[in-house]
Amino acid sequence: MKPKVDEEGIFRKKEIELCINEIMNGEKGKQIKDNASKWKELAIEAVGKGGSSDRNIEEFVAQVMSFATH
């Protein structure tokens, strides 16, 4: 969501107010909040035990350890 600028290139109070209202109460704000919740859950899963980030770190450590033993 981006406020519109006037002919002088300035964000006016009313335009900022409309954008804030849309984010706080409108459909666009609901979509943003829903997307943020989805990304939060995906991030929690990725860094949790058995998640993709956890597995990648385990694999990296295993590779480093195998280089150290050769």
PDB file of N, CA and C in Angstrom:
ATOM      1  N   MET A   1       0.856  -1.168   0.000  1.00  0.00           N
ATOM      2  CA  MET A   1       0.000   0.000   0.000  1.00  0.00           C
ATOM      3  C   MET A   1       0.895   1.222   0.000  1.00  0.00           C
ATOM      4  N   LYS A   2       0.690   2.085  -0.932  1.00  0.00           N
ATOM      5  CA  LYS A   2       1.531   3.274  -1.051  1.00  0.00           C
ATOM      6  C   LYS A   2       0.640   4.503  -1.199  1.00  0.00           C
ATOM      7  N   PRO A   3       0.847   5.506  -0.337  1.00  0.00           N
ATOM      8  CA  PRO A   3       0.040   6.724  -0.469  1.00  0.00           C
ATOM      9  C   PRO A   3       0.393   7.473  -1.752  1.00  0.00           C
ATOM     10  N   LYS A   4      -0.589   8.154  -2.290  1.00  0.00           N
ATOM     11  CA  LYS A   4      -0.372   8.942  -3.503  1.00  0.00           C
ATOM     12  C   LYS A   4       0.199  10.306  -3.119  1.00  0.00           C
ATOM     13  N   VAL A   5       1.063  10.806  -3.979  1.00  0.00           N
ATOM     14  CA  VAL A   5       1.616  12.141  -3.760  1.00  0.00           C
ATOM     15  C   VAL A   5       0.788  13.148  -4.547  1.00  0.00           C
ATOM     16  N   ASP A   6       0.798  14.384  -4.073  1.00  0.00           N
ATOM     17  CA  ASP A   6       0.083  15.427  -4.801  1.00  0.00           C
ATOM     18  C   ASP A   6       0.962  15.966  -5.932  1.00  0.00           C
ATOM     19  N   GLU A   7       0.501  17.019  -6.586  1.00  0.00           N
ATOM     20  CA  GLU A   7       1.225  17.581  -7.728  1.00  0.00           C
ATOM     21  C   GLU A   7       2.601  18.145  -7.345  1.00  0.00           C
ATOM     22  N   GLU A   8       2.814  18.380  -6.052  1.00  0.00           N
ATOM     23  CA  GLU A   8       4.108  18.875  -5.574  1.00  0.00           C
ATOM     24  C   GLU A   8       5.009  17.738  -5.085  1.00  0.00           C
ATOM     25  N   GLY A   9       4.522  16.507  -5.195  1.00  0.00           N
ATOM     26  CA  GLY A   9       5.305  15.362  -4.754  1.00  0.00           C
ATOM     27  C   GLY A   9       5.265  15.136  -3.252  1.00  0.00           C
ATOM     28  N   ILE A  10       4.216  15.639  -2.602  1.00  0.00           N
ATOM     29  CA  ILE A  10       4.099  15.561  -1.140  1.00  0.00           C
ATOM     30  C   ILE A  10       2.970  14.601  -0.764  1.00  0.00           C
ATOM     31  N   PHE A  11       3.223  13.804   0.278  1.00  0.00           N
ATOM     32  CA  PHE A  11       2.176  12.959   0.848  1.00  0.00           C
ATOM     33  C   PHE A  11       1.338  13.837   1.769  1.00  0.00           C
ATOM     34  N   ARG A  12       0.074  13.954   1.484  1.00  0.00           N
ATOM     35  CA  ARG A  12      -0.816  14.776   2.305  1.00  0.00           C
ATOM     36  C   ARG A  12      -1.410  13.952   3.443  1.00  0.00           C
ATOM     37  N   LYS A  13      -1.800  14.676   4.501  1.00  0.00           N
ATOM     38  CA  LYS A  13      -2.342  14.049   5.707  1.00  0.00           C
ATOM     39  C   LYS A  13      -3.512  13.124   5.380  1.00  0.00           C
ATOM     40  N   LYS A  14      -4.427  13.578   4.570  1.00  0.00           N
ATOM     41  CA  LYS A  14      -5.626  12.797   4.249  1.00  0.00           C
ATOM     42  C   LYS A  14      -5.253  11.488   3.551  1.00  0.00           C
ATOM     43  N   GLU A  15      -4.278  11.539   2.649  1.00  0.00           N
ATOM     44  CA  GLU A  15      -3.856  10.337   1.924  1.00  0.00           C
ATOM     45  C   GLU A  15      -3.213   9.333   2.875  1.00  0.00           C
ATOM     46  N   ILE A  16      -2.386   9.814   3.784  1.00  0.00           N
ATOM     47  CA  ILE A  16      -1.752   8.930   4.776  1.00  0.00           C
ATOM     48  C   ILE A  16      -2.824   8.334   5.682  1.00  0.00           C
ATOM     49  N   GLU A  17      -3.782   9.155   6.070  1.00  0.00           N
ATOM     50  CA  GLU A  17      -4.887   8.693   6.912  1.00  0.00           C
ATOM     51  C   GLU A  17      -5.675   7.578   6.215  1.00  0.00           C
ATOM     52  N   LEU A  18      -5.948   7.740   4.932  1.00  0.00           N
ATOM     53  CA  LEU A  18      -6.674   6.716   4.174  1.00  0.00           C
ATOM     54  C   LEU A  18      -5.886   5.402   4.124  1.00  0.00           C
ATOM     55  N   CYS A  19      -4.590   5.501   3.910  1.00  0.00           N
ATOM     56  CA  CYS A  19      -3.755   4.291   3.850  1.00  0.00           C
ATOM     57  C   CYS A  19      -3.714   3.585   5.202  1.00  0.00           C
ATOM     58  N   ILE A  20      -3.538   4.344   6.260  1.00  0.00           N
ATOM     59  CA  ILE A  20      -3.502   3.753   7.602  1.00  0.00           C
ATOM     60  C   ILE A  20      -4.833   3.088   7.915  1.00  0.00           C
ATOM     61  N   ASN A  21      -5.927   3.755   7.582  1.00  0.00           N
ATOM     62  CA  ASN A  21      -7.254   3.186   7.824  1.00  0.00           C
ATOM     63  C   ASN A  21      -7.439   1.881   7.044  1.00  0.00           C
ATOM     64  N   GLU A  22      -6.978   1.852   5.805  1.00  0.00           N
ATOM     65  CA  GLU A  22      -7.106   0.640   4.991  1.00  0.00           C
ATOM     66  C   GLU A  22      -6.292  -0.499   5.594  1.00  0.00           C
ATOM     67  N   ILE A  23      -5.088  -0.205   6.059  1.00  0.00           N
ATOM     68  CA  ILE A  23      -4.244  -1.237   6.668  1.00  0.00           C
ATOM     69  C   ILE A  23      -4.862  -1.734   7.981  1.00  0.00           C
ATOM     70  N   MET A  24      -5.381  -0.835   8.775  1.00  0.00           N
ATOM     71  CA  MET A  24      -5.917  -1.210  10.083  1.00  0.00           C
ATOM     72  C   MET A  24      -7.289  -1.877   9.994  1.00  0.00           C
ATOM     73  N   ASN A  25      -8.115  -1.446   9.044  1.00  0.00           N
ATOM     74  CA  ASN A  25      -9.512  -1.897   9.035  1.00  0.00           C
ATOM     75  C   ASN A  25      -9.994  -2.515   7.731  1.00  0.00           C
ATOM     76  N   GLY A  26      -9.257  -2.345   6.661  1.00  0.00           N
ATOM     77  CA  GLY A  26      -9.747  -2.765   5.349  1.00  0.00           C
ATOM     78  C   GLY A  26      -9.310  -4.151   4.930  1.00  0.00           C
ATOM     79  N   GLU A  27      -9.765  -4.529   3.763  1.00  0.00           N
ATOM     80  CA  GLU A  27      -9.462  -5.841   3.189  1.00  0.00           C
ATOM     81  C   GLU A  27      -7.970  -5.988   2.914  1.00  0.00           C
ATOM     82  N   LYS A  28      -7.340  -4.930   2.431  1.00  0.00           N
ATOM     83  CA  LYS A  28      -5.897  -4.980   2.153  1.00  0.00           C
ATOM     84  C   LYS A  28      -5.124  -5.265   3.436  1.00  0.00           C
ATOM     85  N   GLY A  29      -5.513  -4.642   4.512  1.00  0.00           N
ATOM     86  CA  GLY A  29      -4.860  -4.889   5.797  1.00  0.00           C
ATOM     87  C   GLY A  29      -5.045  -6.318   6.265  1.00  0.00           C
ATOM     88  N   LYS A  30      -6.237  -6.857   6.055  1.00  0.00           N
ATOM     89  CA  LYS A  30      -6.501  -8.257   6.427  1.00  0.00           C
ATOM     90  C   LYS A  30      -5.604  -9.189   5.623  1.00  0.00           C
ATOM     91  N   GLN A  31      -5.452  -8.919   4.334  1.00  0.00           N
ATOM     92  CA  GLN A  31      -4.583  -9.741   3.490  1.00  0.00           C
ATOM     93  C   GLN A  31      -3.132  -9.678   3.968  1.00  0.00           C
ATOM     94  N   ILE A  32      -2.669  -8.489   4.310  1.00  0.00           N
ATOM     95  CA  ILE A  32      -1.297  -8.317   4.791  1.00  0.00           C
ATOM     96  C   ILE A  32      -1.091  -9.096   6.087  1.00  0.00           C
ATOM     97  N   LYS A  33      -2.044  -8.989   7.002  1.00  0.00           N
ATOM     98  CA  LYS A  33      -1.938  -9.706   8.281  1.00  0.00           C
ATOM     99  C   LYS A  33      -1.972 -11.217   8.071  1.00  0.00           C
ATOM    100  N   ASP A  34      -2.842 -11.683   7.184  1.00  0.00           N
ATOM    101  CA  ASP A  34      -2.914 -13.121   6.891  1.00  0.00           C
ATOM    102  C   ASP A  34      -1.602 -13.625   6.298  1.00  0.00           C
ATOM    103  N   ASN A  35      -1.040 -12.866   5.355  1.00  0.00           N
ATOM    104  CA  ASN A  35       0.235 -13.261   4.752  1.00  0.00           C
ATOM    105  C   ASN A  35       1.356 -13.267   5.784  1.00  0.00           C
ATOM    106  N   ALA A  36       1.377 -12.271   6.655  1.00  0.00           N
ATOM    107  CA  ALA A  36       2.406 -12.216   7.697  1.00  0.00           C
ATOM    108  C   ALA A  36       2.294 -13.427   8.620  1.00  0.00           C
ATOM    109  N   SER A  37       1.078 -13.817   8.958  1.00  0.00           N
ATOM    110  CA  SER A  37       0.876 -14.995   9.814  1.00  0.00           C
ATOM    111  C   SER A  37       1.365 -16.268   9.130  1.00  0.00           C
ATOM    112  N   LYS A  38       1.081 -16.392   7.840  1.00  0.00           N
ATOM    113  CA  LYS A  38       1.536 -17.571   7.096  1.00  0.00           C
ATOM    114  C   LYS A  38       3.061 -17.640   7.067  1.00  0.00           C
ATOM    115  N   TRP A  39       3.718 -16.497   6.775  1.00  0.00           N
ATOM    116  CA  TRP A  39       5.183 -16.466   6.722  1.00  0.00           C
ATOM    117  C   TRP A  39       5.785 -16.747   8.089  1.00  0.00           C
ATOM    118  N   LYS A  40       5.125 -16.271   9.130  1.00  0.00           N
ATOM    119  CA  LYS A  40       5.612 -16.535  10.487  1.00  0.00           C
ATOM    120  C   LYS A  40       5.603 -18.032  10.765  1.00  0.00           C
ATOM    121  N   GLU A  41       4.501 -18.685  10.439  1.00  0.00           N
ATOM    122  CA  GLU A  41       4.396 -20.129  10.663  1.00  0.00           C
ATOM    123  C   GLU A  41       5.429 -20.900   9.844  1.00  0.00           C
ATOM    124  N   LEU A  42       5.623 -20.494   8.592  1.00  0.00           N
ATOM    125  CA  LEU A  42       6.624 -21.160   7.753  1.00  0.00           C
ATOM    126  C   LEU A  42       8.029 -20.988   8.323  1.00  0.00           C
ATOM    127  N   ALA A  43       8.325 -19.802   8.835  1.00  0.00           N
ATOM    128  CA  ALA A  43       9.645 -19.557   9.429  1.00  0.00           C
ATOM    129  C   ALA A  43       9.840 -20.396  10.683  1.00  0.00           C
ATOM    130  N   ILE A  44       8.811 -20.495  11.504  1.00  0.00           N
ATOM    131  CA  ILE A  44       8.897 -21.310  12.724  1.00  0.00           C
ATOM    132  C   ILE A  44       9.148 -22.769  12.358  1.00  0.00           C
ATOM    133  N   GLU A  45       8.442 -23.265  11.356  1.00  0.00           N
ATOM    134  CA  GLU A  45       8.649 -24.646  10.914  1.00  0.00           C
ATOM    135  C   GLU A  45      10.061 -24.850  10.373  1.00  0.00           C
ATOM    136  N   ALA A  46      10.556 -23.893   9.604  1.00  0.00           N
ATOM    137  CA  ALA A  46      11.875 -24.033   8.976  1.00  0.00           C
ATOM    138  C   ALA A  46      12.994 -24.109  10.003  1.00  0.00           C
ATOM    139  N   VAL A  47      12.904 -23.306  11.057  1.00  0.00           N
ATOM    140  CA  VAL A  47      13.995 -23.285  12.040  1.00  0.00           C
ATOM    141  C   VAL A  47      13.789 -24.291  13.164  1.00  0.00           C
ATOM    142  N   GLY A  48      12.612 -24.900  13.246  1.00  0.00           N
ATOM    143  CA  GLY A  48      12.336 -25.888  14.286  1.00  0.00           C
ATOM    144  C   GLY A  48      13.035 -27.211  14.009  1.00  0.00           C
ATOM    145  N   LYS A  49      13.023 -28.075  14.994  1.00  0.00           N
ATOM    146  CA  LYS A  49      13.658 -29.390  14.877  1.00  0.00           C
ATOM    147  C   LYS A  49      13.078 -30.139  13.679  1.00  0.00           C
ATOM    148  N   GLY A  50      13.946 -30.552  12.766  1.00  0.00           N
ATOM    149  CA  GLY A  50      13.516 -31.276  11.575  1.00  0.00           C
ATOM    150  C   GLY A  50      13.085 -30.388  10.427  1.00  0.00           C
ATOM    151  N   GLY A  51      13.052 -29.074  10.650  1.00  0.00           N
ATOM    152  CA  GLY A  51      12.675 -28.142   9.588  1.00  0.00           C
ATOM    153  C   GLY A  51      13.788 -28.002   8.559  1.00  0.00           C
ATOM    154  N   SER A  52      13.503 -27.309   7.469  1.00  0.00           N
ATOM    155  CA  SER A  52      14.476 -27.207   6.381  1.00  0.00           C
ATOM    156  C   SER A  52      15.771 -26.529   6.821  1.00  0.00           C
ATOM    157  N   SER A  53      15.690 -25.476   7.609  1.00  0.00           N
ATOM    158  CA  SER A  53      16.908 -24.810   8.086  1.00  0.00           C
ATOM    159  C   SER A  53      17.680 -25.711   9.029  1.00  0.00           C
ATOM    160  N   ASP A  54      16.980 -26.406   9.887  1.00  0.00           N
ATOM    161  CA  ASP A  54      17.613 -27.343  10.818  1.00  0.00           C
ATOM    162  C   ASP A  54      18.347 -28.440  10.044  1.00  0.00           C
ATOM    163  N   ARG A  55      17.697 -28.990   9.039  1.00  0.00           N
ATOM    164  CA  ARG A  55      18.326 -30.044   8.227  1.00  0.00           C
ATOM    165  C   ARG A  55      19.538 -29.509   7.468  1.00  0.00           C
ATOM    166  N   ASN A  56      19.429 -28.297   6.929  1.00  0.00           N
ATOM    167  CA  ASN A  56      20.551 -27.706   6.197  1.00  0.00           C
ATOM    168  C   ASN A  56      21.757 -27.498   7.103  1.00  0.00           C
ATOM    169  N   ILE A  57      21.532 -27.048   8.316  1.00  0.00           N
ATOM    170  CA  ILE A  57      22.636 -26.859   9.262  1.00  0.00           C
ATOM    171  C   ILE A  57      23.254 -28.205   9.618  1.00  0.00           C
ATOM    172  N   GLU A  58      22.421 -29.200   9.867  1.00  0.00           N
ATOM    173  CA  GLU A  58      22.930 -30.541  10.176  1.00  0.00           C
ATOM    174  C   GLU A  58      23.785 -31.075   9.024  1.00  0.00           C
ATOM    175  N   GLU A  59      23.313 -30.887   7.807  1.00  0.00           N
ATOM    176  CA  GLU A  59      24.059 -31.354   6.638  1.00  0.00           C
ATOM    177  C   GLU A  59      25.386 -30.603   6.498  1.00  0.00           C
ATOM    178  N   PHE A  60      25.352 -29.307   6.715  1.00  0.00           N
ATOM    179  CA  PHE A  60      26.569 -28.492   6.640  1.00  0.00           C
ATOM    180  C   PHE A  60      27.595 -28.954   7.673  1.00  0.00           C
ATOM    181  N   VAL A  61      27.154 -29.150   8.899  1.00  0.00           N
ATOM    182  CA  VAL A  61      28.058 -29.603   9.961  1.00  0.00           C
ATOM    183  C   VAL A  61      28.635 -30.974   9.611  1.00  0.00           C
ATOM    184  N   ALA A  62      27.806 -31.861   9.087  1.00  0.00           N
ATOM    185  CA  ALA A  62      28.280 -33.192   8.698  1.00  0.00           C
ATOM    186  C   ALA A  62      29.350 -33.092   7.608  1.00  0.00           C
ATOM    187  N   GLN A  63      29.148 -32.194   6.648  1.00  0.00           N
ATOM    188  CA  GLN A  63      30.138 -32.013   5.582  1.00  0.00           C
ATOM    189  C   GLN A  63      31.445 -31.451   6.136  1.00  0.00           C
ATOM    190  N   VAL A  64      31.356 -30.475   7.020  1.00  0.00           N
ATOM    191  CA  VAL A  64      32.555 -29.899   7.630  1.00  0.00           C
ATOM    192  C   VAL A  64      33.296 -30.972   8.419  1.00  0.00           C
ATOM    193  N   MET A  65      32.554 -31.766   9.161  1.00  0.00           N
ATOM    194  CA  MET A  65      33.173 -32.835   9.952  1.00  0.00           C
ATOM    195  C   MET A  65      33.844 -33.868   9.043  1.00  0.00           C
ATOM    196  N   SER A  66      33.231 -34.179   7.903  1.00  0.00           N
ATOM    197  CA  SER A  66      33.837 -35.160   6.998  1.00  0.00           C
ATOM    198  C   SER A  66      35.119 -34.615   6.377  1.00  0.00           C
ATOM    199  N   PHE A  67      35.180 -33.313   6.112  1.00  0.00           N
ATOM    200  CA  PHE A  67      36.414 -32.705   5.604  1.00  0.00           C
ATOM    201  C   PHE A  67      37.502 -32.737   6.667  1.00  0.00           C
ATOM    202  N   ALA A  68      37.108 -32.554   7.907  1.00  0.00           N
ATOM    203  CA  ALA A  68      38.077 -32.520   9.006  1.00  0.00           C
ATOM    204  C   ALA A  68      38.685 -33.894   9.263  1.00  0.00           C
ATOM    205  N   THR A  69      37.971 -34.954   8.925  1.00  0.00           N
ATOM    206  CA  THR A  69      38.484 -36.305   9.180  1.00  0.00           C
ATOM    207  C   THR A  69      39.265 -36.860   7.995  1.00  0.00           C
ATOM    208  N   HIS A  70      39.308 -36.159   6.874  1.00  0.00           N
ATOM    209  CA  HIS A  70      40.044 -36.643   5.692  1.00  0.00           C
ATOM    210  C   HIS A  70      41.397 -36.024   5.601  1.00  0.00           C
TER     211      HIS A  70
END
